Protein backbone atom coordinates (compact mmCIF):
# COMPACT_ATOMS: atom_id res chain seq x y z
CA MET A 1 10.97 0.26 15.90
CA GLU A 2 9.77 1.37 19.07
CA LYS A 3 9.67 4.85 17.84
CA TRP A 4 7.18 3.76 15.70
CA ASP A 5 3.58 5.38 17.50
CA LYS A 6 0.37 6.89 17.12
CA SER A 7 2.53 10.23 15.78
CA TRP A 8 3.03 7.83 12.44
CA THR A 9 1.63 6.94 9.41
CA LEU A 10 1.38 4.14 7.51
CA PHE A 11 1.48 3.76 3.86
CA LEU A 12 0.73 0.26 2.28
CA ASP A 13 0.24 -0.78 -1.36
CA ARG A 14 -1.76 -3.16 -2.26
CA ASP A 15 -1.97 -5.75 -4.59
CA GLY A 16 1.40 -8.16 -3.35
CA VAL A 17 0.96 -6.50 0.60
CA ILE A 18 -2.58 -6.44 0.99
CA ASN A 19 -4.14 -9.41 -1.44
CA GLN A 20 -2.05 -11.74 -3.42
CA ARG A 21 -0.86 -11.07 -6.82
CA ILE A 22 -2.78 -12.34 -10.02
CA PRO A 23 0.18 -13.36 -12.46
CA GLY A 24 0.03 -11.25 -15.43
CA ALA A 25 -3.47 -9.68 -14.66
CA TYR A 26 -5.59 -7.61 -12.45
CA VAL A 27 -7.83 -7.86 -9.74
CA GLU A 28 -11.12 -6.77 -11.49
CA PHE A 29 -13.32 -7.89 -9.45
CA PRO A 30 -14.19 -8.91 -5.67
CA GLU A 31 -14.35 -12.55 -5.95
CA GLN A 32 -10.74 -12.65 -7.58
CA PHE A 33 -9.42 -10.43 -4.04
CA THR A 34 -7.51 -13.02 -2.18
CA PHE A 35 -6.10 -11.25 1.11
CA SER A 36 -2.36 -12.40 1.54
CA GLU A 37 -1.92 -14.88 4.48
CA ASN A 38 -2.80 -13.64 8.03
CA CYS A 39 -3.21 -9.92 6.68
CA LEU A 40 -6.09 -9.08 8.05
CA GLN A 41 -4.12 -10.14 11.78
CA ALA A 42 -1.35 -7.66 10.42
CA LEU A 43 -4.02 -4.89 10.37
CA VAL A 44 -5.36 -5.37 13.76
CA VAL A 45 -2.04 -4.55 15.01
CA PHE A 46 -1.08 -1.50 12.93
CA ARG A 47 -4.36 -0.14 14.26
CA LYS A 48 -3.07 -0.21 17.47
CA ILE A 49 0.10 1.46 16.57
CA PHE A 50 -0.41 3.77 13.90
CA ASN A 51 -2.17 7.31 13.81
CA ARG A 52 -3.26 6.72 10.16
CA ILE A 53 -3.06 3.76 7.92
CA VAL A 54 -3.48 4.82 3.98
CA VAL A 55 -3.24 2.86 1.09
CA VAL A 56 -1.53 4.02 -2.66
CA THR A 57 -2.16 1.90 -5.31
CA ASN A 58 -1.13 2.14 -8.88
CA GLN A 59 -4.12 1.02 -11.00
CA GLN A 60 -3.23 1.02 -14.77
CA GLY A 61 -5.89 -1.60 -15.86
CA ILE A 62 -8.25 0.96 -15.30
CA GLY A 63 -6.40 3.65 -17.85
CA LYS A 64 -5.72 0.11 -20.31
CA GLY A 65 -9.71 -0.26 -20.27
CA ILE A 66 -9.93 -3.36 -18.87
CA MET A 67 -11.75 -2.23 -15.79
CA THR A 68 -13.52 0.72 -14.79
CA THR A 69 -13.30 2.95 -11.46
CA ASP A 70 -16.87 1.55 -10.50
CA GLN A 71 -15.23 -1.89 -10.53
CA LEU A 72 -11.88 -0.67 -8.61
CA THR A 73 -14.47 0.83 -6.01
CA ALA A 74 -16.32 -2.51 -5.45
CA ILE A 75 -12.97 -3.99 -4.75
CA HIS A 76 -11.80 -1.67 -2.45
CA LEU A 77 -15.19 -2.01 -0.26
CA PHE A 78 -15.48 -5.51 0.07
CA MET A 79 -11.42 -4.81 1.03
CA LYS A 80 -12.37 -2.15 3.53
CA ASN A 81 -15.40 -4.04 4.97
CA ALA A 82 -13.40 -7.08 5.48
CA ILE A 83 -10.97 -5.33 7.25
CA GLU A 84 -13.36 -3.79 9.73
CA LYS A 85 -15.00 -6.89 10.36
CA ALA A 86 -11.32 -8.32 11.47
CA GLY A 87 -11.04 -4.88 13.92
CA GLY A 88 -8.26 -3.30 11.51
CA LYS A 89 -8.67 -0.44 9.68
CA ILE A 90 -7.66 2.09 6.54
CA ASP A 91 -8.26 5.29 6.92
CA GLU A 92 -8.52 5.89 3.24
CA ILE A 93 -7.62 4.15 -0.01
CA TYR A 94 -5.66 6.40 -3.18
CA HIS A 95 -5.37 4.92 -6.49
CA CYS A 96 -3.99 6.11 -9.83
CA PRO A 97 -5.37 5.26 -12.65
CA GLY A 98 -2.99 6.41 -15.33
CA LEU A 99 -0.86 4.39 -17.65
CA ALA A 100 3.19 3.70 -16.82
CA LYS A 101 4.30 5.05 -20.04
CA ASP A 102 2.27 8.23 -19.40
CA ASN A 103 4.05 8.63 -16.05
CA PRO A 104 1.22 10.85 -14.34
CA GLU A 105 2.01 12.89 -10.85
CA CYS A 106 -0.04 9.99 -9.22
CA ARG A 107 1.38 7.15 -10.36
CA LYS A 108 4.23 5.97 -7.78
CA PRO A 109 6.81 6.14 -7.81
CA ASN A 110 5.95 9.74 -8.41
CA SER A 111 4.58 11.78 -5.01
CA GLY A 112 1.21 12.44 -5.75
CA MET A 113 -1.05 10.19 -3.90
CA ALA A 114 1.36 11.27 -0.53
CA PHE A 115 0.14 14.43 -1.08
CA GLN A 116 -3.22 14.11 -1.61
CA ALA A 117 -3.24 11.88 1.56
CA LYS A 118 -1.68 14.84 3.05
CA GLU A 119 -4.38 17.21 2.31
CA ASP A 120 -6.51 14.72 3.19
CA PHE A 121 -4.89 14.63 6.89
CA PRO A 122 -2.99 17.83 7.56
CA GLU A 123 -1.52 15.99 10.78
CA ILE A 124 0.50 13.25 8.41
CA GLU A 125 4.09 14.08 8.56
CA LEU A 126 5.39 12.26 5.45
CA SER A 127 9.30 11.92 7.78
CA LYS A 128 7.06 10.09 10.67
CA SER A 129 5.82 7.67 7.34
CA VAL A 130 6.63 4.16 6.54
CA MET A 131 5.88 2.92 3.25
CA VAL A 132 5.36 -1.03 2.61
CA GLY A 133 5.61 -2.58 -0.51
CA ASP A 134 7.06 -5.06 -2.73
CA SER A 135 7.64 -2.87 -5.91
CA ILE A 136 11.38 -0.97 -6.66
CA SER A 137 8.47 1.75 -7.44
CA ASP A 138 7.14 1.48 -3.40
CA MET A 139 10.33 1.78 -2.52
CA GLU A 140 11.26 5.12 -4.46
CA PHE A 141 8.08 6.74 -3.89
CA GLY A 142 8.70 6.14 -0.06
CA LYS A 143 12.47 7.29 -0.27
CA ARG A 144 11.68 10.61 -2.27
CA LEU A 145 9.55 11.47 0.77
CA GLY A 146 11.77 10.72 3.44
CA MET A 147 9.91 7.84 4.73
CA THR A 148 10.76 4.43 6.33
CA THR A 149 11.05 1.96 3.91
CA VAL A 150 9.69 -1.85 4.21
CA LEU A 151 9.63 -4.63 1.53
CA ILE A 152 7.65 -7.41 1.37
CA GLU A 153 9.54 -9.77 -0.56
CA GLY A 154 8.02 -12.28 -3.30
CA ASN A 155 8.06 -9.94 -6.38
CA GLU A 156 10.64 -11.42 -8.50
CA ASP A 157 10.10 -9.37 -11.38
CA GLU A 158 11.91 -6.78 -9.33
CA ARG A 159 15.64 -5.62 -8.82
CA PHE A 160 15.81 -3.93 -5.52
CA ASN A 161 19.12 -1.15 -4.75
CA ASP A 162 19.04 -1.72 -1.38
CA GLU A 163 19.91 1.55 -0.39
CA LEU A 164 16.07 2.05 -0.90
CA ILE A 165 14.91 -0.43 1.36
CA ASP A 166 15.15 0.07 5.45
CA PHE A 167 13.66 -3.43 6.13
CA LYS A 168 12.49 -6.85 4.45
CA TYR A 169 10.25 -9.24 5.32
CA GLN A 170 7.93 -11.95 4.02
CA SER A 171 4.93 -10.76 4.57
CA LEU A 172 3.12 -7.87 6.01
CA PHE A 173 2.31 -9.99 8.88
CA GLU A 174 5.78 -11.05 9.49
CA PHE A 175 6.33 -7.25 9.47
CA ALA A 176 3.42 -6.69 11.89
CA THR A 177 4.98 -9.41 14.49
CA THR A 178 8.11 -7.13 15.38
CA PHE A 179 6.02 -5.04 17.23
């Protein structure tokens, strides 16, 4: 892992990685957003290592009419403010409101959010990027784009093909302690 430095980009999934999942539901309001254990400390470590840190998150709760884009914006503002207050940083948050059944280009494992990040930050090299997530779609997203993949274990609903996973950790914090 010594190869990872300021020339690398860190892509993070949100639910199950940065914050705790709500089983069978969506985080609809900032009051429901609970950071994963020691996540804020992990993000401080990552700020020192990676040039860019971006979040890529599927948010089909918008497409289902369960929540609005304004609600998601409020949640992300709450999240970013807490991360910055702790000494971490998120450069940008990309989300896909589309439904899984419609398979829009922005929805992981499709590549749309990565291409948007590359457009916004042209210095991003996808082959020098790490994708951290807790789902099969996160791992497929990373591998399709030539990224190193890191699985945060704990999403028991998923069945994984180990060929998609380069590293496995119990939490974002455990991953951060390897640096």
